[in-house]
C-alpha atoms as a PDB file:
ATOM      1  CA  MET A   1     237.308  28.153 -33.380  1.00  0.00           C
ATOM      2  CA  LYS A   2     240.126  29.743 -31.416  1.00  0.00           C
ATOM      3  CA  LEU A   3     243.712  29.104 -32.523  1.00  0.00           C
ATOM      4  CA  LEU A   4     246.781  30.090 -30.523  1.00  0.00           C
ATOM      5  CA  LEU A   5     249.897  30.142 -32.698  1.00  0.00           C
ATOM      6  CA  ASP A   6     253.093  29.037 -31.023  1.00  0.00           C
ATOM      7  CA  ALA A   7     256.157  31.279 -31.155  1.00  0.00           C
ATOM      8  CA  ASN A   8     257.716  29.017 -33.805  1.00  0.00           C
ATOM      9  CA  ILE A   9     255.042  30.056 -36.332  1.00  0.00           C
ATOM     10  CA  SER A  10     255.269  33.488 -37.901  1.00  0.00           C
ATOM     11  CA  TRP A  11     252.803  36.035 -36.538  1.00  0.00           C
ATOM     12  CA  ARG A  12     252.347  37.202 -40.130  1.00  0.00           C
ATOM     13  CA  ILE A  13     250.283  34.119 -40.882  1.00  0.00           C
ATOM     14  CA  ILE A  14     247.330  35.513 -38.905  1.00  0.00           C
ATOM     15  CA  LYS A  15     246.572  38.105 -41.593  1.00  0.00           C
ATOM     16  CA  LEU A  16     246.759  35.417 -44.284  1.00  0.00           C
ATOM     17  CA  ILE A  17     244.292  33.042 -42.597  1.00  0.00           C
ATOM     18  CA  GLU A  18     241.883  35.504 -40.978  1.00  0.00           C
ATOM     19  CA  ASN A  19     239.114  34.799 -43.523  1.00  0.00           C
ATOM     20  CA  ASP A  20     239.143  31.100 -42.617  1.00  0.00           C
ATOM     21  CA  PHE A  21     240.220  31.343 -38.972  1.00  0.00           C
ATOM     22  CA  SER A  22     238.992  34.627 -37.567  1.00  0.00           C
ATOM     23  CA  ASP A  23     239.817  34.037 -33.896  1.00  0.00           C
ATOM     24  CA  CYS A  24     243.619  33.649 -33.840  1.00  0.00           C
ATOM     25  CA  LEU A  25     246.270  34.918 -31.477  1.00  0.00           C
ATOM     26  CA  HIS A  26     250.033  34.605 -31.587  1.00  0.00           C
ATOM     27  CA  ALA A  27     252.077  33.648 -28.524  1.00  0.00           C
ATOM     28  CA  LYS A  28     253.818  37.041 -28.670  1.00  0.00           C
ATOM     29  CA  ASP A  29     250.456  38.781 -28.209  1.00  0.00           C
ATOM     30  CA  ILE A  30     249.283  37.089 -25.030  1.00  0.00           C
ATOM     31  CA  LYS A  31     249.999  38.471 -21.592  1.00  0.00           C
ATOM     32  CA  ILE A  32     252.694  36.076 -20.459  1.00  0.00           C
ATOM     33  CA  ASN A  33     256.437  36.434 -20.082  1.00  0.00           C
ATOM     34  CA  GLN A  34     258.232  36.718 -23.405  1.00  0.00           C
ATOM     35  CA  PRO A  35     259.703  34.741 -24.937  1.00  0.00           C
ATOM     36  CA  ALA A  36     256.788  32.488 -24.077  1.00  0.00           C
ATOM     37  CA  LYS A  37     257.570  29.073 -22.636  1.00  0.00           C
ATOM     38  CA  ASP A  38     255.615  26.069 -23.887  1.00  0.00           C
ATOM     39  CA  VAL A  39     254.010  25.455 -20.502  1.00  0.00           C
ATOM     40  CA  GLU A  40     252.846  29.092 -20.310  1.00  0.00           C
ATOM     41  CA  ILE A  41     251.331  28.860 -23.786  1.00  0.00           C
ATOM     42  CA  TRP A  42     249.689  25.591 -22.716  1.00  0.00           C
ATOM     43  CA  GLU A  43     248.151  27.133 -19.602  1.00  0.00           C
ATOM     44  CA  PHE A  44     246.903  30.197 -21.492  1.00  0.00           C
ATOM     45  CA  ALA A  45     245.305  27.981 -24.159  1.00  0.00           C
ATOM     46  CA  LYS A  46     243.680  25.797 -21.510  1.00  0.00           C
ATOM     47  CA  GLN A  47     242.283  28.728 -19.526  1.00  0.00           C
ATOM     48  CA  ASN A  48     241.002  30.530 -22.619  1.00  0.00           C
ATOM     49  CA  ASN A  49     239.736  27.589 -24.705  1.00  0.00           C
ATOM     50  CA  PHE A  50     242.282  27.839 -27.537  1.00  0.00           C
ATOM     51  CA  THR A  51     243.646  25.068 -29.743  1.00  0.00           C
ATOM     52  CA  ILE A  52     247.443  25.344 -30.056  1.00  0.00           C
ATOM     53  CA  LEU A  53     248.962  25.456 -33.547  1.00  0.00           C
ATOM     54  CA  THR A  54     252.664  24.585 -33.490  1.00  0.00           C
ATOM     55  CA  HIS A  55     255.650  22.966 -35.181  1.00  0.00           C
ATOM     56  CA  ASP A  56     256.815  21.766 -31.755  1.00  0.00           C
ATOM     57  CA  ASP A  57     256.487  18.112 -30.685  1.00  0.00           C
ATOM     58  CA  ASP A  58     257.024  19.225 -27.067  1.00  0.00           C
ATOM     59  CA  PHE A  59     253.313  20.034 -26.870  1.00  0.00           C
ATOM     60  CA  GLU A  60     252.557  16.368 -27.502  1.00  0.00           C
ATOM     61  CA  LYS A  61     254.681  15.558 -24.433  1.00  0.00           C
ATOM     62  CA  LEU A  62     252.783  18.176 -22.415  1.00  0.00           C
ATOM     63  CA  LEU A  63     249.522  16.576 -23.502  1.00  0.00           C
ATOM     64  CA  LEU A  64     250.739  13.200 -22.233  1.00  0.00           C
ATOM     65  CA  LEU A  65     251.865  14.737 -18.919  1.00  0.00           C
ATOM     66  CA  LYS A  66     248.994  17.117 -18.248  1.00  0.00           C
ATOM     67  CA  GLY A  67     246.112  15.721 -20.273  1.00  0.00           C
ATOM     68  CA  ALA A  68     243.678  17.719 -22.342  1.00  0.00           C
ATOM     69  CA  PRO A  69     242.543  20.385 -22.911  1.00  0.00           C
ATOM     70  CA  PRO A  70     243.952  22.103 -24.888  1.00  0.00           C
ATOM     71  CA  LYS A  71     243.955  20.370 -28.237  1.00  0.00           C
ATOM     72  CA  ILE A  72     247.131  20.468 -30.318  1.00  0.00           C
ATOM     73  CA  ILE A  73     247.604  20.859 -34.075  1.00  0.00           C
ATOM     74  CA  ILE A  74     251.174  20.000 -35.053  1.00  0.00           C
ATOM     75  CA  LEU A  75     252.367  21.257 -38.418  1.00  0.00           C
ATOM     76  CA  LYS A  76     254.858  18.915 -40.052  1.00  0.00           C
ATOM     77  CA  THR A  77     255.743  21.538 -42.665  1.00  0.00           C
ATOM     78  CA  PHE A  78     259.229  22.760 -41.838  1.00  0.00           C
ATOM     79  CA  ASN A  79     260.212  23.440 -45.458  1.00  0.00           C
ATOM     80  CA  LYS A  80     257.230  25.667 -46.253  1.00  0.00           C
ATOM     81  CA  ASN A  81     257.150  29.444 -46.078  1.00  0.00           C
ATOM     82  CA  THR A  82     254.446  31.446 -44.304  1.00  0.00           C
ATOM     83  CA  LYS A  83     252.267  31.835 -47.397  1.00  0.00           C
ATOM     84  CA  GLU A  84     252.437  28.107 -48.160  1.00  0.00           C
ATOM     85  CA  ILE A  85     251.497  27.240 -44.576  1.00  0.00           C
ATOM     86  CA  ALA A  86     248.559  29.658 -44.730  1.00  0.00           C
ATOM     87  CA  GLU A  87     247.364  28.037 -47.960  1.00  0.00           C
ATOM     88  CA  LEU A  88     247.716  24.581 -46.415  1.00  0.00           C
ATOM     89  CA  LEU A  89     245.687  25.603 -43.363  1.00  0.00           C
ATOM     90  CA  SER A  90     242.972  27.057 -45.586  1.00  0.00           C
ATOM     91  CA  THR A  91     242.740  23.845 -47.609  1.00  0.00           C
ATOM     92  CA  LYS A  92     242.543  21.829 -44.368  1.00  0.00           C
ATOM     93  CA  LYS A  93     239.918  24.097 -42.772  1.00  0.00           C
ATOM     94  CA  GLU A  94     237.143  21.470 -42.714  1.00  0.00           C
ATOM     95  CA  ILE A  95     239.477  18.862 -41.222  1.00  0.00           C
ATOM     96  CA  ILE A  96     240.622  21.344 -38.565  1.00  0.00           C
ATOM     97  CA  GLU A  97     237.039  22.328 -37.724  1.00  0.00           C
ATOM     98  CA  SER A  98     236.041  18.674 -37.438  1.00  0.00           C
ATOM     99  CA  PHE A  99     239.045  17.969 -35.206  1.00  0.00           C
ATOM    100  CA  VAL A 100     238.322  20.904 -32.895  1.00  0.00           C
ATOM    101  CA  SER A 101     234.660  19.930 -32.523  1.00  0.00           C
ATOM    102  CA  ASN A 102     235.389  16.245 -31.796  1.00  0.00           C
ATOM    103  CA  ASP A 103     235.818  15.773 -28.036  1.00  0.00           C
ATOM    104  CA  GLU A 104     237.589  12.429 -28.496  1.00  0.00           C
ATOM    105  CA  LEU A 105     240.498  13.782 -30.565  1.00  0.00           C
ATOM    106  CA  MET A 106     243.370  15.682 -28.938  1.00  0.00           C
ATOM    107  CA  ILE A 107     246.190  15.834 -31.536  1.00  0.00           C
ATOM    108  CA  LEU A 108     246.047  16.568 -35.249  1.00  0.00           C
ATOM    109  CA  GLU A 109     249.142  16.386 -37.443  1.00  0.00           C
ATOM    110  CA  ILE A 110     249.084  18.296 -40.719  1.00  0.00           C
ATOM    111  CA  TYR A 111     251.569  17.479 -43.482  1.00  0.00           C
END
């Protein structure tokens, strides 16, 4: 499972979740103009088969405009620190894996 973390998620989280999600990239690490625009992140994820992990509802709008892929995981966890978000993702690993493997689902919200 390939996750692309949006710029609004700390890059430090990758180290914390690498045991559960080994194929992660951060928006700052991909070869696009920085700071990365949502549409550029979208196109990179689509071309490289990544699921986008974000706090940003704008990706839901892009999904409605452009259609899938990519899939979008929206974190509704604005009051949590990086470690807490990493722990939440680890506890939701099975749900995330099921979401990514289900071709009928395009958006997952995690609270």
